[in-house]
Amino acid sequence: MKATVRSGLVWGTEDEARVSRELVDRLGQQGYAPEQVDLVGIKPGDCRACFGCWNVTPGECCRRDTAGKLAGKAAGADLIVLLASVRFGSFSAPVEKVGRSTSTRRRVPP
């Protein structure tokens, strides 16, 4: 089974590193093949409303950026884990940025 761990840990503390390692280890013990994706530094593009996902490449965004790769990994995973720092009641900026982009909606259902 595949698992994708999307990490938006930005503070670089030892606690964050320990939690991340522990999560990946436990997923491996449960039979998953975890793949970590570091969201820090990813710059997904916004939807241009070009309808290319309907007309040019049905079911898939025609923009070739990081967001499309993230959507492909999510579609092929049995489990998706979002690992994020929470400060002041909100997720870290990388997680918010990816969540607000079209990366989680890059595939149109058939």
PDB file of N, CA and C in Angstrom:
ATOM      1  N   MET A   1       0.840  -1.174   0.000  1.00  0.00           N
ATOM      2  CA  MET A   1       0.000   0.000   0.000  1.00  0.00           C
ATOM      3  C   MET A   1       0.885   1.238   0.000  1.00  0.00           C
ATOM      4  N   LYS A   2       0.425   2.259  -0.712  1.00  0.00           N
ATOM      5  CA  LYS A   2       1.189   3.499  -0.809  1.00  0.00           C
ATOM      6  C   LYS A   2       0.628   4.547   0.141  1.00  0.00           C
ATOM      7  N   ALA A   3       1.533   5.314   0.740  1.00  0.00           N
ATOM      8  CA  ALA A   3       1.148   6.441   1.585  1.00  0.00           C
ATOM      9  C   ALA A   3       1.974   7.649   1.170  1.00  0.00           C
ATOM     10  N   THR A   4       1.324   8.789   1.059  1.00  0.00           N
ATOM     11  CA  THR A   4       2.007  10.035   0.763  1.00  0.00           C
ATOM     12  C   THR A   4       1.923  10.913   1.996  1.00  0.00           C
ATOM     13  N   VAL A   5       3.071  11.342   2.490  1.00  0.00           N
ATOM     14  CA  VAL A   5       3.143  12.234   3.641  1.00  0.00           C
ATOM     15  C   VAL A   5       3.526  13.605   3.111  1.00  0.00           C
ATOM     16  N   ARG A   6       2.607  14.548   3.193  1.00  0.00           N
ATOM     17  CA  ARG A   6       2.872  15.918   2.756  1.00  0.00           C
ATOM     18  C   ARG A   6       3.286  16.732   3.966  1.00  0.00           C
ATOM     19  N   SER A   7       4.516  17.172   3.961  1.00  0.00           N
ATOM     20  CA  SER A   7       5.080  17.844   5.124  1.00  0.00           C
ATOM     21  C   SER A   7       5.202  19.341   4.896  1.00  0.00           C
ATOM     22  N   GLY A   8       4.568  20.094   5.779  1.00  0.00           N
ATOM     23  CA  GLY A   8       4.658  21.540   5.740  1.00  0.00           C
ATOM     24  C   GLY A   8       5.294  22.080   6.999  1.00  0.00           C
ATOM     25  N   LEU A   9       6.245  21.329   7.540  1.00  0.00           N
ATOM     26  CA  LEU A   9       6.923  21.739   8.766  1.00  0.00           C
ATOM     27  C   LEU A   9       7.971  22.790   8.432  1.00  0.00           C
ATOM     28  N   VAL A  10       7.813  23.985   8.999  1.00  0.00           N
ATOM     29  CA  VAL A  10       8.667  25.106   8.599  1.00  0.00           C
ATOM     30  C   VAL A  10       9.633  25.573   9.672  1.00  0.00           C
ATOM     31  N   TRP A  11       9.453  25.165  10.896  1.00  0.00           N
ATOM     32  CA  TRP A  11      10.262  25.721  11.970  1.00  0.00           C
ATOM     33  C   TRP A  11      11.616  25.040  12.115  1.00  0.00           C
ATOM     34  N   GLY A  12      11.753  23.838  11.610  1.00  0.00           N
ATOM     35  CA  GLY A  12      13.034  23.154  11.639  1.00  0.00           C
ATOM     36  C   GLY A  12      13.492  22.730  13.029  1.00  0.00           C
ATOM     37  N   THR A  13      12.560  22.499  13.929  1.00  0.00           N
ATOM     38  CA  THR A  13      12.926  22.094  15.280  1.00  0.00           C
ATOM     39  C   THR A  13      13.166  20.590  15.332  1.00  0.00           C
ATOM     40  N   GLU A  14      13.850  20.175  16.349  1.00  0.00           N
ATOM     41  CA  GLU A  14      14.110  18.753  16.538  1.00  0.00           C
ATOM     42  C   GLU A  14      12.810  17.989  16.783  1.00  0.00           C
ATOM     43  N   ASP A  15      11.850  18.629  17.441  1.00  0.00           N
ATOM     44  CA  ASP A  15      10.559  17.976  17.676  1.00  0.00           C
ATOM     45  C   ASP A  15       9.850  17.666  16.359  1.00  0.00           C
ATOM     46  N   GLU A  16       9.875  18.608  15.426  1.00  0.00           N
ATOM     47  CA  GLU A  16       9.244  18.377  14.128  1.00  0.00           C
ATOM     48  C   GLU A  16       9.927  17.232  13.387  1.00  0.00           C
ATOM     49  N   ALA A  17      11.237  17.205  13.411  1.00  0.00           N
ATOM     50  CA  ALA A  17      11.987  16.136  12.742  1.00  0.00           C
ATOM     51  C   ALA A  17      11.683  14.786  13.380  1.00  0.00           C
ATOM     52  N   ARG A  18      11.586  14.756  14.689  1.00  0.00           N
ATOM     53  CA  ARG A  18      11.296  13.515  15.403  1.00  0.00           C
ATOM     54  C   ARG A  18       9.901  12.998  15.060  1.00  0.00           C
ATOM     55  N   VAL A  19       8.916  13.893  15.032  1.00  0.00           N
ATOM     56  CA  VAL A  19       7.547  13.498  14.701  1.00  0.00           C
ATOM     57  C   VAL A  19       7.476  12.967  13.273  1.00  0.00           C
ATOM     58  N   SER A  20       8.156  13.630  12.366  1.00  0.00           N
ATOM     59  CA  SER A  20       8.167  13.197  10.970  1.00  0.00           C
ATOM     60  C   SER A  20       8.789  11.808  10.821  1.00  0.00           C
ATOM     61  N   ARG A  21       9.923  11.588  11.459  1.00  0.00           N
ATOM     62  CA  ARG A  21      10.577  10.268  11.408  1.00  0.00           C
ATOM     63  C   ARG A  21       9.695   9.190  12.016  1.00  0.00           C
ATOM     64  N   GLU A  22       9.106   9.498  13.150  1.00  0.00           N
ATOM     65  CA  GLU A  22       8.245   8.527  13.845  1.00  0.00           C
ATOM     66  C   GLU A  22       7.031   8.169  12.981  1.00  0.00           C
ATOM     67  N   LEU A  23       6.446   9.151  12.339  1.00  0.00           N
ATOM     68  CA  LEU A  23       5.296   8.897  11.478  1.00  0.00           C
ATOM     69  C   LEU A  23       5.661   7.977  10.324  1.00  0.00           C
ATOM     70  N   VAL A  24       6.764   8.264   9.660  1.00  0.00           N
ATOM     71  CA  VAL A  24       7.198   7.434   8.531  1.00  0.00           C
ATOM     72  C   VAL A  24       7.532   6.020   8.999  1.00  0.00           C
ATOM     73  N   ASP A  25       8.189   5.903  10.142  1.00  0.00           N
ATOM     74  CA  ASP A  25       8.517   4.578  10.686  1.00  0.00           C
ATOM     75  C   ASP A  25       7.256   3.771  10.985  1.00  0.00           C
ATOM     76  N   ARG A  26       6.293   4.405  11.619  1.00  0.00           N
ATOM     77  CA  ARG A  26       5.057   3.685  11.974  1.00  0.00           C
ATOM     78  C   ARG A  26       4.240   3.299  10.751  1.00  0.00           C
ATOM     79  N   LEU A  27       4.234   4.156   9.752  1.00  0.00           N
ATOM     80  CA  LEU A  27       3.541   3.790   8.516  1.00  0.00           C
ATOM     81  C   LEU A  27       4.205   2.575   7.874  1.00  0.00           C
ATOM     82  N   GLY A  28       5.531   2.532   7.892  1.00  0.00           N
ATOM     83  CA  GLY A  28       6.260   1.385   7.361  1.00  0.00           C
ATOM     84  C   GLY A  28       5.949   0.114   8.125  1.00  0.00           C
ATOM     85  N   GLN A  29       5.817   0.217   9.440  1.00  0.00           N
ATOM     86  CA  GLN A  29       5.497  -0.945  10.266  1.00  0.00           C
ATOM     87  C   GLN A  29       4.085  -1.467   9.980  1.00  0.00           C
ATOM     88  N   GLN A  30       3.197  -0.578   9.533  1.00  0.00           N
ATOM     89  CA  GLN A  30       1.820  -0.969   9.255  1.00  0.00           C
ATOM     90  C   GLN A  30       1.631  -1.466   7.821  1.00  0.00           C
ATOM     91  N   GLY A  31       2.724  -1.581   7.074  1.00  0.00           N
ATOM     92  CA  GLY A  31       2.645  -2.139   5.737  1.00  0.00           C
ATOM     93  C   GLY A  31       2.556  -1.125   4.610  1.00  0.00           C
ATOM     94  N   TYR A  32       2.676   0.141   4.936  1.00  0.00           N
ATOM     95  CA  TYR A  32       2.645   1.175   3.901  1.00  0.00           C
ATOM     96  C   TYR A  32       4.047   1.433   3.371  1.00  0.00           C
ATOM     97  N   ALA A  33       4.118   1.890   2.138  1.00  0.00           N
ATOM     98  CA  ALA A  33       5.373   2.362   1.549  1.00  0.00           C
ATOM     99  C   ALA A  33       5.283   3.882   1.521  1.00  0.00           C
ATOM    100  N   PRO A  34       5.739   4.553   2.607  1.00  0.00           N
ATOM    101  CA  PRO A  34       5.541   5.997   2.687  1.00  0.00           C
ATOM    102  C   PRO A  34       6.503   6.780   1.795  1.00  0.00           C
ATOM    103  N   GLU A  35       5.968   7.799   1.162  1.00  0.00           N
ATOM    104  CA  GLU A  35       6.766   8.720   0.360  1.00  0.00           C
ATOM    105  C   GLU A  35       6.544  10.119   0.928  1.00  0.00           C
ATOM    106  N   GLN A  36       7.629  10.782   1.311  1.00  0.00           N
ATOM    107  CA  GLN A  36       7.513  12.119   1.866  1.00  0.00           C
ATOM    108  C   GLN A  36       7.641  13.168   0.777  1.00  0.00           C
ATOM    109  N   VAL A  37       6.758  14.161   0.842  1.00  0.00           N
ATOM    110  CA  VAL A  37       6.803  15.297  -0.069  1.00  0.00           C
ATOM    111  C   VAL A  37       6.928  16.545   0.790  1.00  0.00           C
ATOM    112  N   ASP A  38       8.017  17.267   0.638  1.00  0.00           N
ATOM    113  CA  ASP A  38       8.247  18.485   1.403  1.00  0.00           C
ATOM    114  C   ASP A  38       7.565  19.642   0.678  1.00  0.00           C
ATOM    115  N   LEU A  39       6.590  20.253   1.325  1.00  0.00           N
ATOM    116  CA  LEU A  39       5.827  21.332   0.698  1.00  0.00           C
ATOM    117  C   LEU A  39       6.527  22.681   0.783  1.00  0.00           C
ATOM    118  N   VAL A  40       7.560  22.775   1.607  1.00  0.00           N
ATOM    119  CA  VAL A  40       8.282  24.035   1.736  1.00  0.00           C
ATOM    120  C   VAL A  40       9.033  24.303   0.435  1.00  0.00           C
ATOM    121  N   GLY A  41       8.804  25.436  -0.159  1.00  0.00           N
ATOM    122  CA  GLY A  41       9.478  25.808  -1.397  1.00  0.00           C
ATOM    123  C   GLY A  41       8.709  25.459  -2.660  1.00  0.00           C
ATOM    124  N   ILE A  42       7.596  24.735  -2.536  1.00  0.00           N
ATOM    125  CA  ILE A  42       6.790  24.398  -3.706  1.00  0.00           C
ATOM    126  C   ILE A  42       5.966  25.625  -4.093  1.00  0.00           C
ATOM    127  N   LYS A  43       5.930  25.905  -5.375  1.00  0.00           N
ATOM    128  CA  LYS A  43       5.180  27.060  -5.863  1.00  0.00           C
ATOM    129  C   LYS A  43       4.149  26.611  -6.898  1.00  0.00           C
ATOM    130  N   PRO A  44       3.002  26.132  -6.424  1.00  0.00           N
ATOM    131  CA  PRO A  44       1.974  25.702  -7.380  1.00  0.00           C
ATOM    132  C   PRO A  44       1.314  26.901  -8.041  1.00  0.00           C
ATOM    133  N   GLY A  45       0.956  26.738  -9.282  1.00  0.00           N
ATOM    134  CA  GLY A  45       0.269  27.808  -9.997  1.00  0.00           C
ATOM    135  C   GLY A  45      -1.218  27.775  -9.724  1.00  0.00           C
ATOM    136  N   ASP A  46      -1.864  28.887  -9.945  1.00  0.00           N
ATOM    137  CA  ASP A  46      -3.307  28.963  -9.774  1.00  0.00           C
ATOM    138  C   ASP A  46      -4.013  28.521 -11.050  1.00  0.00           C
ATOM    139  N   CYS A  47      -5.256  28.176 -10.909  1.00  0.00           N
ATOM    140  CA  CYS A  47      -6.060  27.799 -12.068  1.00  0.00           C
ATOM    141  C   CYS A  47      -6.270  29.033 -12.942  1.00  0.00           C
ATOM    142  N   ARG A  48      -6.076  28.873 -14.250  1.00  0.00           N
ATOM    143  CA  ARG A  48      -6.257  29.973 -15.196  1.00  0.00           C
ATOM    144  C   ARG A  48      -7.643  29.943 -15.830  1.00  0.00           C
ATOM    145  N   ALA A  49      -8.454  28.993 -15.456  1.00  0.00           N
ATOM    146  CA  ALA A  49      -9.805  28.843 -16.008  1.00  0.00           C
ATOM    147  C   ALA A  49      -9.776  28.760 -17.529  1.00  0.00           C
ATOM    148  N   CYS A  50      -8.800  28.022 -18.045  1.00  0.00           N
ATOM    149  CA  CYS A  50      -8.642  27.914 -19.500  1.00  0.00           C
ATOM    150  C   CYS A  50      -9.461  26.758 -20.080  1.00  0.00           C
ATOM    151  N   PHE A  51     -10.026  25.920 -19.223  1.00  0.00           N
ATOM    152  CA  PHE A  51     -10.790  24.738 -19.602  1.00  0.00           C
ATOM    153  C   PHE A  51      -9.962  23.717 -20.384  1.00  0.00           C
ATOM    154  N   GLY A  52      -8.639  23.826 -20.280  1.00  0.00           N
ATOM    155  CA  GLY A  52      -7.773  22.829 -20.901  1.00  0.00           C
ATOM    156  C   GLY A  52      -7.963  21.458 -20.288  1.00  0.00           C
ATOM    157  N   CYS A  53      -8.330  21.426 -19.015  1.00  0.00           N
ATOM    158  CA  CYS A  53      -8.563  20.148 -18.337  1.00  0.00           C
ATOM    159  C   CYS A  53      -9.824  19.465 -18.868  1.00  0.00           C
ATOM    160  N   TRP A  54     -10.655  20.186 -19.547  1.00  0.00           N
ATOM    161  CA  TRP A  54     -11.856  19.615 -20.142  1.00  0.00           C
ATOM    162  C   TRP A  54     -11.652  19.297 -21.618  1.00  0.00           C
ATOM    163  N   ASN A  55     -10.965  20.212 -22.323  1.00  0.00           N
ATOM    164  CA  ASN A  55     -10.875  20.108 -23.778  1.00  0.00           C
ATOM    165  C   ASN A  55      -9.560  19.525 -24.294  1.00  0.00           C
ATOM    166  N   VAL A  56      -8.443  19.947 -23.732  1.00  0.00           N
ATOM    167  CA  VAL A  56      -7.127  19.567 -24.263  1.00  0.00           C
ATOM    168  C   VAL A  56      -6.639  18.256 -23.670  1.00  0.00           C
ATOM    169  N   THR A  57      -6.598  18.186 -22.344  1.00  0.00           N
ATOM    170  CA  THR A  57      -6.137  16.977 -21.648  1.00  0.00           C
ATOM    171  C   THR A  57      -7.236  16.553 -20.674  1.00  0.00           C
ATOM    172  N   PRO A  58      -8.280  15.895 -21.129  1.00  0.00           N
ATOM    173  CA  PRO A  58      -9.439  15.583 -20.287  1.00  0.00           C
ATOM    174  C   PRO A  58      -9.065  14.929 -18.953  1.00  0.00           C
ATOM    175  N   GLY A  59      -9.563  15.556 -17.890  1.00  0.00           N
ATOM    176  CA  GLY A  59      -9.337  15.023 -16.557  1.00  0.00           C
ATOM    177  C   GLY A  59      -8.023  15.419 -15.932  1.00  0.00           C
ATOM    178  N   GLU A  60      -7.221  16.202 -16.610  1.00  0.00           N
ATOM    179  CA  GLU A  60      -5.902  16.567 -16.097  1.00  0.00           C
ATOM    180  C   GLU A  60      -5.577  17.999 -16.495  1.00  0.00           C
ATOM    181  N   CYS A  61      -5.002  18.750 -15.580  1.00  0.00           N
ATOM    182  CA  CYS A  61      -4.627  20.131 -15.879  1.00  0.00           C
ATOM    183  C   CYS A  61      -3.536  20.141 -16.950  1.00  0.00           C
ATOM    184  N   CYS A  62      -3.656  21.059 -17.899  1.00  0.00           N
ATOM    185  CA  CYS A  62      -2.665  21.120 -18.982  1.00  0.00           C
ATOM    186  C   CYS A  62      -1.419  21.894 -18.580  1.00  0.00           C
ATOM    187  N   ARG A  63      -1.446  22.562 -17.451  1.00  0.00           N
ATOM    188  CA  ARG A  63      -0.245  23.241 -16.947  1.00  0.00           C
ATOM    189  C   ARG A  63       0.682  22.197 -16.348  1.00  0.00           C
ATOM    190  N   ARG A  64       1.904  22.241 -16.697  1.00  0.00           N
ATOM    191  CA  ARG A  64       2.886  21.280 -16.190  1.00  0.00           C
ATOM    192  C   ARG A  64       3.698  21.936 -15.082  1.00  0.00           C
ATOM    193  N   ASP A  65       3.176  21.879 -13.869  1.00  0.00           N
ATOM    194  CA  ASP A  65       3.877  22.450 -12.729  1.00  0.00           C
ATOM    195  C   ASP A  65       3.856  21.452 -11.570  1.00  0.00           C
ATOM    196  N   THR A  66       4.338  21.893 -10.455  1.00  0.00           N
ATOM    197  CA  THR A  66       4.445  21.031  -9.281  1.00  0.00           C
ATOM    198  C   THR A  66       3.086  20.537  -8.805  1.00  0.00           C
ATOM    199  N   ALA A  67       2.070  21.348  -8.955  1.00  0.00           N
ATOM    200  CA  ALA A  67       0.744  20.980  -8.470  1.00  0.00           C
ATOM    201  C   ALA A  67       0.220  19.728  -9.164  1.00  0.00           C
ATOM    202  N   GLY A  68       0.470  19.605 -10.440  1.00  0.00           N
ATOM    203  CA  GLY A  68       0.026  18.410 -11.160  1.00  0.00           C
ATOM    204  C   GLY A  68       0.707  17.158 -10.664  1.00  0.00           C
ATOM    205  N   LYS A  69       1.988  17.273 -10.319  1.00  0.00           N
ATOM    206  CA  LYS A  69       2.709  16.125  -9.778  1.00  0.00           C
ATOM    207  C   LYS A  69       2.151  15.730  -8.419  1.00  0.00           C
ATOM    208  N   LEU A  70       1.805  16.731  -7.600  1.00  0.00           N
ATOM    209  CA  LEU A  70       1.225  16.432  -6.293  1.00  0.00           C
ATOM    210  C   LEU A  70      -0.117  15.729  -6.439  1.00  0.00           C
ATOM    211  N   ALA A  71      -0.914  16.172  -7.385  1.00  0.00           N
ATOM    212  CA  ALA A  71      -2.221  15.546  -7.601  1.00  0.00           C
ATOM    213  C   ALA A  71      -2.060  14.104  -8.060  1.00  0.00           C
ATOM    214  N   GLY A  72      -1.075  13.846  -8.920  1.00  0.00           N
ATOM    215  CA  GLY A  72      -0.828  12.481  -9.381  1.00  0.00           C
ATOM    216  C   GLY A  72      -0.407  11.561  -8.253  1.00  0.00           C
ATOM    217  N   LYS A  73       0.430  12.066  -7.354  1.00  0.00           N
ATOM    218  CA  LYS A  73       0.852  11.260  -6.204  1.00  0.00           C
ATOM    219  C   LYS A  73      -0.325  10.995  -5.273  1.00  0.00           C
ATOM    220  N   ALA A  74      -1.176  11.989  -5.118  1.00  0.00           N
ATOM    221  CA  ALA A  74      -2.341  11.814  -4.250  1.00  0.00           C
ATOM    222  C   ALA A  74      -3.305  10.795  -4.834  1.00  0.00           C
ATOM    223  N   ALA A  75      -3.487  10.837  -6.149  1.00  0.00           N
ATOM    224  CA  ALA A  75      -4.415   9.911  -6.792  1.00  0.00           C
ATOM    225  C   ALA A  75      -3.937   8.468  -6.689  1.00  0.00           C
ATOM    226  N   GLY A  76      -2.617   8.259  -6.661  1.00  0.00           N
ATOM    227  CA  GLY A  76      -2.075   6.911  -6.593  1.00  0.00           C
ATOM    228  C   GLY A  76      -1.853   6.391  -5.188  1.00  0.00           C
ATOM    229  N   ALA A  77      -2.181   7.197  -4.181  1.00  0.00           N
ATOM    230  CA  ALA A  77      -1.921   6.806  -2.792  1.00  0.00           C
ATOM    231  C   ALA A  77      -3.154   6.178  -2.152  1.00  0.00           C
ATOM    232  N   ASP A  78      -2.904   5.218  -1.280  1.00  0.00           N
ATOM    233  CA  ASP A  78      -3.980   4.630  -0.490  1.00  0.00           C
ATOM    234  C   ASP A  78      -4.262   5.465   0.752  1.00  0.00           C
ATOM    235  N   LEU A  79      -3.250   6.238   1.178  1.00  0.00           N
ATOM    236  CA  LEU A  79      -3.359   7.061   2.377  1.00  0.00           C
ATOM    237  C   LEU A  79      -2.594   8.353   2.142  1.00  0.00           C
ATOM    238  N   ILE A  80      -3.197   9.474   2.494  1.00  0.00           N
ATOM    239  CA  ILE A  80      -2.538  10.780   2.406  1.00  0.00           C
ATOM    240  C   ILE A  80      -2.503  11.363   3.805  1.00  0.00           C
ATOM    241  N   VAL A  81      -1.317  11.740   4.258  1.00  0.00           N
ATOM    242  CA  VAL A  81      -1.141  12.333   5.581  1.00  0.00           C
ATOM    243  C   VAL A  81      -0.624  13.743   5.395  1.00  0.00           C
ATOM    244  N   LEU A  82      -1.280  14.704   6.022  1.00  0.00           N
ATOM    245  CA  LEU A  82      -0.852  16.087   5.986  1.00  0.00           C
ATOM    246  C   LEU A  82      -0.193  16.402   7.318  1.00  0.00           C
ATOM    247  N   LEU A  83       1.084  16.671   7.287  1.00  0.00           N
ATOM    248  CA  LEU A  83       1.864  16.950   8.493  1.00  0.00           C
ATOM    249  C   LEU A  83       2.222  18.425   8.475  1.00  0.00           C
ATOM    250  N   ALA A  84       1.658  19.186   9.420  1.00  0.00           N
ATOM    251  CA  ALA A  84       1.841  20.638   9.376  1.00  0.00           C
ATOM    252  C   ALA A  84       2.040  21.217  10.759  1.00  0.00           C
ATOM    253  N   SER A  85       2.793  22.292  10.791  1.00  0.00           N
ATOM    254  CA  SER A  85       2.907  23.087  12.006  1.00  0.00           C
ATOM    255  C   SER A  85       1.656  23.942  12.106  1.00  0.00           C
ATOM    256  N   VAL A  86       1.132  24.086  13.319  1.00  0.00           N
ATOM    257  CA  VAL A  86      -0.025  24.951  13.528  1.00  0.00           C
ATOM    258  C   VAL A  86       0.400  26.062  14.471  1.00  0.00           C
ATOM    259  N   ARG A  87       0.297  27.269  13.971  1.00  0.00           N
ATOM    260  CA  ARG A  87       0.632  28.441  14.784  1.00  0.00           C
ATOM    261  C   ARG A  87      -0.522  29.428  14.658  1.00  0.00           C
ATOM    262  N   PHE A  88      -0.923  29.985  15.763  1.00  0.00           N
ATOM    263  CA  PHE A  88      -1.985  30.983  15.788  1.00  0.00           C
ATOM    264  C   PHE A  88      -3.269  30.474  15.127  1.00  0.00           C
ATOM    265  N   GLY A  89      -3.550  29.188  15.288  1.00  0.00           N
ATOM    266  CA  GLY A  89      -4.800  28.614  14.809  1.00  0.00           C
ATOM    267  C   GLY A  89      -4.872  28.315  13.327  1.00  0.00           C
ATOM    268  N   SER A  90      -3.731  28.287  12.644  1.00  0.00           N
ATOM    269  CA  SER A  90      -3.741  28.030  11.209  1.00  0.00           C
ATOM    270  C   SER A  90      -2.573  27.123  10.837  1.00  0.00           C
ATOM    271  N   PHE A  91      -2.701  26.454   9.709  1.00  0.00           N
ATOM    272  CA  PHE A  91      -1.603  25.636   9.203  1.00  0.00           C
ATOM    273  C   PHE A  91      -0.448  26.524   8.788  1.00  0.00           C
ATOM    274  N   SER A  92       0.713  25.916   8.600  1.00  0.00           N
ATOM    275  CA  SER A  92       1.876  26.659   8.127  1.00  0.00           C
ATOM    276  C   SER A  92       1.624  27.160   6.704  1.00  0.00           C
ATOM    277  N   ALA A  93       2.358  28.185   6.310  1.00  0.00           N
ATOM    278  CA  ALA A  93       2.163  28.824   5.002  1.00  0.00           C
ATOM    279  C   ALA A  93       2.273  27.855   3.823  1.00  0.00           C
ATOM    280  N   PRO A  94       3.258  26.925   3.804  1.00  0.00           N
ATOM    281  CA  PRO A  94       3.331  26.005   2.663  1.00  0.00           C
ATOM    282  C   PRO A  94       2.085  25.144   2.503  1.00  0.00           C
ATOM    283  N   VAL A  95       1.504  24.729   3.606  1.00  0.00           N
ATOM    284  CA  VAL A  95       0.302  23.893   3.543  1.00  0.00           C
ATOM    285  C   VAL A  95      -0.882  24.724   3.053  1.00  0.00           C
ATOM    286  N   GLU A  96      -1.005  25.941   3.561  1.00  0.00           N
ATOM    287  CA  GLU A  96      -2.072  26.829   3.105  1.00  0.00           C
ATOM    288  C   GLU A  96      -1.944  27.110   1.613  1.00  0.00           C
ATOM    289  N   LYS A  97      -0.719  27.364   1.162  1.00  0.00           N
ATOM    290  CA  LYS A  97      -0.487  27.699  -0.238  1.00  0.00           C
ATOM    291  C   LYS A  97      -0.886  26.544  -1.156  1.00  0.00           C
ATOM    292  N   VAL A  98      -0.492  25.343  -0.790  1.00  0.00           N
ATOM    293  CA  VAL A  98      -0.838  24.178  -1.611  1.00  0.00           C
ATOM    294  C   VAL A  98      -2.334  23.895  -1.522  1.00  0.00           C
ATOM    295  N   GLY A  99      -2.908  24.072  -0.348  1.00  0.00           N
ATOM    296  CA  GLY A  99      -4.340  23.841  -0.181  1.00  0.00           C
ATOM    297  C   GLY A  99      -5.194  24.819  -0.948  1.00  0.00           C
ATOM    298  N   ARG A 100      -4.756  26.068  -1.062  1.00  0.00           N
ATOM    299  CA  ARG A 100      -5.525  27.082  -1.779  1.00  0.00           C
ATOM    300  C   ARG A 100      -5.313  27.022  -3.281  1.00  0.00           C
ATOM    301  N   SER A 101      -4.247  26.380  -3.694  1.00  0.00           N
ATOM    302  CA  SER A 101      -4.010  26.266  -5.135  1.00  0.00           C
ATOM    303  C   SER A 101      -4.935  25.202  -5.697  1.00  0.00           C
ATOM    304  N   THR A 102      -4.812  24.954  -6.936  1.00  0.00           N
ATOM    305  CA  THR A 102      -5.656  23.930  -7.566  1.00  0.00           C
ATOM    306  C   THR A 102      -5.031  22.552  -7.459  1.00  0.00           C
ATOM    307  N   SER A 103      -3.943  22.429  -6.699  1.00  0.00           N
ATOM    308  CA  SER A 103      -3.223  21.156  -6.663  1.00  0.00           C
ATOM    309  C   SER A 103      -4.062  20.008  -6.133  1.00  0.00           C
ATOM    310  N   THR A 104      -4.985  20.286  -5.240  1.00  0.00           N
ATOM    311  CA  THR A 104      -5.818  19.198  -4.733  1.00  0.00           C
ATOM    312  C   THR A 104      -7.032  18.969  -5.617  1.00  0.00           C
ATOM    313  N   ARG A 105      -7.224  19.838  -6.609  1.00  0.00           N
ATOM    314  CA  ARG A 105      -8.384  19.713  -7.502  1.00  0.00           C
ATOM    315  C   ARG A 105      -7.935  19.615  -8.957  1.00  0.00           C
ATOM    316  N   ARG A 106      -6.748  19.136  -9.197  1.00  0.00           N
ATOM    317  CA  ARG A 106      -6.215  19.119 -10.546  1.00  0.00           C
ATOM    318  C   ARG A 106      -6.793  18.023 -11.419  1.00  0.00           C
ATOM    319  N   ARG A 107      -7.553  17.148 -10.867  1.00  0.00           N
ATOM    320  CA  ARG A 107      -8.142  16.075 -11.672  1.00  0.00           C
ATOM    321  C   ARG A 107      -9.662  16.240 -11.694  1.00  0.00           C
ATOM    322  N   VAL A 108     -10.193  16.290 -12.868  1.00  0.00           N
ATOM    323  CA  VAL A 108     -11.647  16.405 -13.036  1.00  0.00           C
ATOM    324  C   VAL A 108     -12.205  15.000 -13.136  1.00  0.00           C
ATOM    325  N   PRO A 109     -13.264  14.677 -12.374  1.00  0.00           N
ATOM    326  CA  PRO A 109     -13.807  13.324 -12.473  1.00  0.00           C
ATOM    327  C   PRO A 109     -14.341  13.041 -13.864  1.00  0.00           C
ATOM    328  N   PRO A 110     -14.177  11.801 -14.343  1.00  0.00           N
ATOM    329  CA  PRO A 110     -14.643  11.449 -15.695  1.00  0.00           C
ATOM    330  C   PRO A 110     -16.156  11.510 -15.821  1.00  0.00           C
TER     331      PRO A 110
END
